[in-house]
């Protein structure tokens, strides 16, 4: 699939050799390219034309790698990466010799990745729950803005906090136990566990809030855990509601029986 070429760039521009992979990559045959270099060069996308023209000024002995965007004859976009070297011949002409690799799939994958990252960040930045990520060395790499509403700390402040500064001692012990189980699974080559549970968090004003935490280990293509993704939902209001319902069910002689029977449905509705 590689295109090998020899192109004269001075005194004129012409292909002296080009391999047959050109047909599959741009829909242009070798005879067409050798007869008139413009047949190939006019397929360069306008976004890349200035970059190509600049490469025609290469000096003998100079090496260069160049990414270009093309338009296949059937209309689809093609992305390429060329590695080439310029040399001077005895007659004074200058040629480029090199190889061109089709990197269309790579470019499209990069575009999809950027879109996915932008979409994920947009969702995270506007989420009601606190979303955070942690590298495997324990460094917090991202905290969503919702943390300021829930705990009173800015994302930057929250990212610098230790587990002991974030959680009450009981909750911190649960978090550390989970991390140890994740690291043990990584070392053993087994599937890392997920975590879901209620945790207590310190607010900036010193008060304590209750959150429902879910942590998912993110795994790369080789099956290696590279990051932990956490989502924390503030359930402090729900906990107060639960306590009120429980108290009413126990102490209210009129509505107690009804509440005991329907507490589950009420909580689900809430």
Protein backbone atom coordinates (compact mmCIF):
# COMPACT_ATOMS: atom_id res chain seq x y z
CA UNK A 1 0.00 0.00 0.00
CA UNK A 2 3.01 2.34 0.09
CA UNK A 3 3.63 4.70 -2.82
CA UNK A 4 7.29 5.04 -3.80
CA UNK A 5 8.18 7.97 -6.03
CA UNK A 6 10.94 9.97 -7.67
CA UNK A 7 9.79 13.49 -8.55
CA UNK A 8 11.87 16.14 -10.27
CA UNK A 9 11.30 19.52 -8.62
CA UNK A 10 13.85 21.66 -10.49
CA UNK A 11 14.02 22.97 -13.18
CA UNK A 12 10.48 21.63 -13.73
CA UNK A 13 8.06 19.40 -11.81
CA UNK A 14 7.55 15.88 -13.16
CA UNK A 15 7.34 12.32 -11.89
CA UNK A 16 10.21 10.15 -13.08
CA UNK A 17 8.88 7.13 -11.20
CA UNK A 18 5.83 6.34 -9.10
CA UNK A 19 4.59 2.94 -7.91
CA UNK A 20 1.30 1.33 -8.87
CA UNK A 21 -0.25 1.79 -5.38
CA UNK A 22 -1.14 5.27 -6.64
CA UNK A 23 -4.17 3.84 -8.42
CA UNK A 24 -5.68 2.42 -5.24
CA UNK A 25 -4.90 5.53 -3.20
CA UNK A 26 -6.04 8.30 -5.58
CA UNK A 27 -7.65 6.55 -8.53
CA UNK A 28 -4.87 7.69 -10.90
CA UNK A 29 -2.87 5.28 -13.04
CA UNK A 30 0.92 5.32 -13.30
CA UNK A 31 0.94 6.26 -17.03
CA UNK A 32 -1.29 9.27 -16.29
CA UNK A 33 1.03 10.43 -13.51
CA UNK A 34 4.18 10.03 -15.59
CA UNK A 35 2.64 11.82 -18.55
CA UNK A 36 1.55 14.85 -16.51
CA UNK A 37 2.40 15.40 -12.84
CA UNK A 38 -0.45 17.89 -12.55
CA UNK A 39 -2.87 14.98 -12.91
CA UNK A 40 -1.75 13.90 -9.44
CA UNK A 41 -0.95 17.26 -7.91
CA UNK A 42 -4.33 18.80 -8.66
CA UNK A 43 -5.84 16.21 -6.29
CA UNK A 44 -4.09 17.90 -3.36
CA UNK A 45 -6.70 19.44 -1.10
CA UNK A 46 -6.64 23.28 -0.96
CA UNK A 47 -5.82 23.03 2.77
CA UNK A 48 -2.52 21.30 1.92
CA UNK A 49 -1.50 23.01 -1.30
CA UNK A 50 0.65 25.69 0.37
CA UNK A 51 2.46 23.02 2.34
CA UNK A 52 3.20 21.08 -0.86
CA UNK A 53 4.42 24.16 -2.74
CA UNK A 54 6.79 24.90 0.13
CA UNK A 55 8.28 21.41 -0.19
CA UNK A 56 9.33 22.18 -3.79
CA UNK A 57 12.01 24.50 -2.40
CA UNK A 58 13.87 21.66 -0.62
CA UNK A 59 17.64 21.89 -0.94
CA UNK A 60 19.84 18.94 -1.95
CA UNK A 61 20.54 16.72 1.05
CA UNK A 62 17.52 17.98 2.94
CA UNK A 63 15.13 15.40 4.44
CA UNK A 64 11.53 16.11 5.29
CA UNK A 65 8.33 14.45 6.51
CA UNK A 66 5.11 15.99 5.28
CA UNK A 67 1.43 15.30 5.92
CA UNK A 68 -0.97 16.18 3.11
CA UNK A 69 -4.70 15.96 2.54
CA UNK A 70 -5.88 14.76 -0.88
CA UNK A 71 -9.11 14.26 -2.78
CA UNK A 72 -9.54 10.84 -4.41
CA UNK A 73 -11.05 10.91 -7.85
CA UNK A 74 -14.23 9.42 -6.43
CA UNK A 75 -14.51 12.39 -4.06
CA UNK A 76 -13.45 10.94 -0.72
CA UNK A 77 -10.74 12.49 1.41
CA UNK A 78 -7.35 10.78 1.64
CA UNK A 79 -4.66 11.66 4.18
CA UNK A 80 -1.00 10.86 3.55
CA UNK A 81 2.38 11.08 5.24
CA UNK A 82 5.43 11.39 2.95
CA UNK A 83 9.06 10.91 3.93
CA UNK A 84 11.47 12.19 1.30
CA UNK A 85 14.97 13.41 0.58
CA UNK A 86 16.16 15.87 -2.03
CA UNK A 87 19.28 15.27 -4.13
CA UNK A 88 21.03 17.03 -6.98
CA UNK A 89 22.06 15.30 -10.19
CA UNK A 90 25.10 15.99 -12.36
CA UNK A 91 22.97 17.96 -14.82
CA UNK A 92 21.89 20.32 -12.03
CA UNK A 93 18.35 19.02 -11.71
CA UNK A 94 16.96 18.40 -8.21
CA UNK A 95 14.73 15.44 -7.40
CA UNK A 96 12.77 14.22 -4.41
CA UNK A 97 12.89 10.51 -3.62
CA UNK A 98 10.54 9.14 -1.04
CA UNK A 99 7.66 7.02 0.12
CA UNK A 100 4.06 7.95 0.87
CA UNK A 101 1.94 6.17 3.47
CA UNK A 102 -1.86 6.33 3.54
CA UNK A 103 -2.84 7.49 7.07
CA UNK A 104 -6.53 8.09 6.37
CA UNK A 105 -7.73 5.59 8.97
CA UNK A 106 -5.41 7.13 11.57
CA UNK A 107 -6.64 10.65 10.84
CA UNK A 108 -10.31 9.63 10.97
CA UNK A 109 -9.67 7.80 14.25
CA UNK A 110 -8.02 10.95 15.65
CA UNK A 111 -11.01 13.05 14.56
CA UNK A 112 -13.42 10.60 16.19
CA UNK A 113 -11.30 10.61 19.34
CA UNK A 114 -11.27 14.41 19.52
CA UNK A 115 -15.02 14.53 19.01
CA UNK A 116 -15.50 11.89 21.70
CA UNK A 117 -13.26 13.81 24.11
CA UNK A 118 -15.07 17.06 23.41
CA UNK A 119 -18.46 15.37 23.85
CA UNK A 120 -17.38 13.69 27.08
CA UNK A 121 -15.94 16.91 28.46
CA UNK A 122 -19.10 18.84 27.56
CA UNK A 123 -21.20 16.26 29.40
CA UNK A 124 -18.86 16.25 32.39
CA UNK A 125 -18.69 20.04 32.61
CA UNK A 126 -22.49 20.25 32.71
CA UNK A 127 -23.26 17.17 34.79
CA UNK A 128 -25.10 17.51 38.09
CA UNK A 129 -23.04 14.70 39.62
CA UNK A 130 -19.33 15.03 40.40
CA UNK A 131 -17.21 13.21 37.80
CA UNK A 132 -13.53 12.57 38.42
CA UNK A 133 -10.64 10.53 37.06
CA UNK A 134 -7.53 9.21 38.77
CA UNK A 135 -4.30 7.92 37.26
CA UNK A 136 -2.83 4.66 38.50
CA UNK A 137 -0.18 6.53 40.47
CA UNK A 138 -2.94 8.04 42.61
CA UNK A 139 -2.92 11.49 41.01
CA UNK A 140 -6.36 13.00 40.39
CA UNK A 141 -6.37 14.03 36.73
CA UNK A 142 -9.84 15.60 36.45
CA UNK A 143 -12.67 16.83 38.69
CA UNK A 144 -15.87 18.25 37.20
CA UNK A 145 -17.19 21.69 38.21
CA UNK A 146 -20.11 20.13 40.13
CA UNK A 147 -17.71 19.52 43.03
CA UNK A 148 -17.94 23.21 43.96
CA UNK A 149 -21.71 22.98 44.34
CA UNK A 150 -21.52 19.76 46.37
CA UNK A 151 -18.44 20.32 48.55
CA UNK A 152 -17.60 24.01 48.19
CA UNK A 153 -14.13 23.34 46.73
CA UNK A 154 -13.08 24.38 43.24
CA UNK A 155 -12.04 21.53 40.89
CA UNK A 156 -8.42 22.59 41.27
CA UNK A 157 -8.64 22.52 45.07
CA UNK A 158 -10.42 19.17 45.10
CA UNK A 159 -7.83 17.61 42.78
CA UNK A 160 -5.05 18.44 45.24
CA UNK A 161 -6.76 16.90 48.27
CA UNK A 162 -5.75 13.61 49.88
CA UNK A 163 -8.24 10.86 50.63
CA UNK A 164 -8.15 11.87 54.29
CA UNK A 165 -9.06 15.44 53.36
CA UNK A 166 -11.91 14.30 51.14
CA UNK A 167 -13.55 11.53 53.17
CA UNK A 168 -14.34 10.86 56.80
CA UNK A 169 -12.09 8.18 58.37
CA UNK A 170 -14.63 5.38 57.88
CA UNK A 171 -15.19 6.24 54.23
CA UNK A 172 -11.47 6.79 53.60
CA UNK A 173 -10.80 3.25 54.84
CA UNK A 174 -13.32 1.87 52.34
CA UNK A 175 -11.71 3.84 49.50
CA UNK A 176 -8.20 2.64 50.38
CA UNK A 177 -9.41 -0.95 50.61
CA UNK A 178 -10.93 -0.67 47.13
CA UNK A 179 -7.74 0.77 45.65
CA UNK A 180 -5.75 -2.09 47.16
CA UNK A 181 -8.12 -4.60 45.56
CA UNK A 182 -7.74 -2.87 42.19
CA UNK A 183 -3.93 -2.93 42.37
CA UNK A 184 -3.98 -6.58 43.48
CA UNK A 185 -6.15 -7.47 40.47
CA UNK A 186 -3.81 -5.57 38.14
CA UNK A 187 -0.78 -7.44 39.48
CA UNK A 188 -2.59 -10.78 39.27
CA UNK A 189 -3.83 -10.09 35.76
CA UNK A 190 -7.47 -10.58 36.79
CA UNK A 191 -10.47 -8.39 36.07
CA UNK A 192 -10.38 -5.31 38.33
CA UNK A 193 -13.42 -4.80 40.57
CA UNK A 194 -15.87 -1.92 40.35
CA UNK A 195 -17.05 -0.07 43.43
CA UNK A 196 -20.46 1.22 44.45
CA UNK A 197 -21.36 2.46 47.88
CA UNK A 198 -22.32 5.38 50.10
CA UNK A 199 -19.49 7.61 51.28
CA UNK A 200 -19.20 10.63 53.56
CA UNK A 201 -17.40 13.76 52.32
CA UNK A 202 -16.11 16.85 54.02
CA UNK A 203 -17.38 20.20 52.74
CA UNK A 204 -15.22 23.29 52.77
CA UNK A 205 -17.25 24.68 55.70
CA UNK A 206 -16.47 21.56 57.76
CA UNK A 207 -19.89 19.94 57.42
CA UNK A 208 -20.30 16.39 56.14
CA UNK A 209 -22.31 15.33 53.10
CA UNK A 210 -23.28 11.85 51.95
CA UNK A 211 -22.60 10.74 48.40
CA UNK A 212 -23.27 7.63 46.36
CA UNK A 213 -19.99 6.68 44.71
CA UNK A 214 -19.42 4.47 41.69
CA UNK A 215 -15.89 3.76 40.45
CA UNK A 216 -15.09 1.95 37.19
CA UNK A 217 -11.55 0.94 36.16
CA UNK A 218 -10.85 1.98 32.54
CA UNK A 219 -8.94 -0.60 30.52
CA UNK A 220 -6.86 -0.04 27.37
CA UNK A 221 -6.72 -2.22 24.25
CA UNK A 222 -4.18 -4.52 25.93
CA UNK A 223 -6.42 -5.08 28.93
CA UNK A 224 -4.32 -2.90 31.25
CA UNK A 225 -6.01 -0.55 33.72
CA UNK A 226 -4.83 2.98 32.95
CA UNK A 227 -7.33 5.13 34.86
CA UNK A 228 -10.15 5.05 37.40
CA UNK A 229 -13.39 6.84 36.51
CA UNK A 230 -15.58 7.90 39.41
CA UNK A 231 -19.05 9.42 39.64
CA UNK A 232 -20.27 10.81 42.95
CA UNK A 233 -23.92 11.71 43.44
CA UNK A 234 -24.88 13.89 46.39
CA UNK A 235 -27.63 12.02 48.26
CA UNK A 236 -27.65 14.09 51.46
CA UNK A 237 -31.21 15.29 50.87
CA UNK A 238 -32.33 11.74 50.17
CA UNK A 239 -30.77 10.52 53.41
CA UNK A 240 -32.70 13.17 55.35
CA UNK A 241 -35.89 12.11 53.58
CA UNK A 242 -35.23 8.45 54.40
CA UNK A 243 -34.70 9.29 58.07
CA UNK A 244 -37.94 11.28 58.21
CA UNK A 245 -39.92 8.45 56.62
CA UNK A 246 -38.39 5.89 58.96
CA UNK A 247 -39.20 8.00 62.00
CA UNK A 248 -42.77 8.55 60.84
CA UNK A 249 -43.27 4.86 60.13
CA UNK A 250 -42.18 3.98 63.66
CA UNK A 251 -43.73 6.80 65.69
CA UNK A 252 -46.91 7.87 63.86
CA UNK A 253 -49.80 5.57 64.92
CA UNK A 254 -52.08 6.68 62.09
CA UNK A 255 -49.76 6.68 59.09
CA UNK A 256 -47.11 4.30 60.39
CA UNK A 257 -48.54 1.15 58.80
CA UNK A 258 -49.05 2.89 55.45
CA UNK A 259 -45.53 4.29 55.50
CA UNK A 260 -43.94 0.95 56.32
CA UNK A 261 -45.77 -0.55 53.37
CA UNK A 262 -44.91 2.15 50.85
CA UNK A 263 -41.52 3.51 51.91
CA UNK A 264 -39.74 1.67 49.12
CA UNK A 265 -42.03 3.14 46.47
CA UNK A 266 -41.68 6.63 47.94
CA UNK A 267 -37.89 6.43 47.94
CA UNK A 268 -37.83 5.20 44.35
CA UNK A 269 -40.12 8.06 43.30
CA UNK A 270 -37.93 10.57 45.13
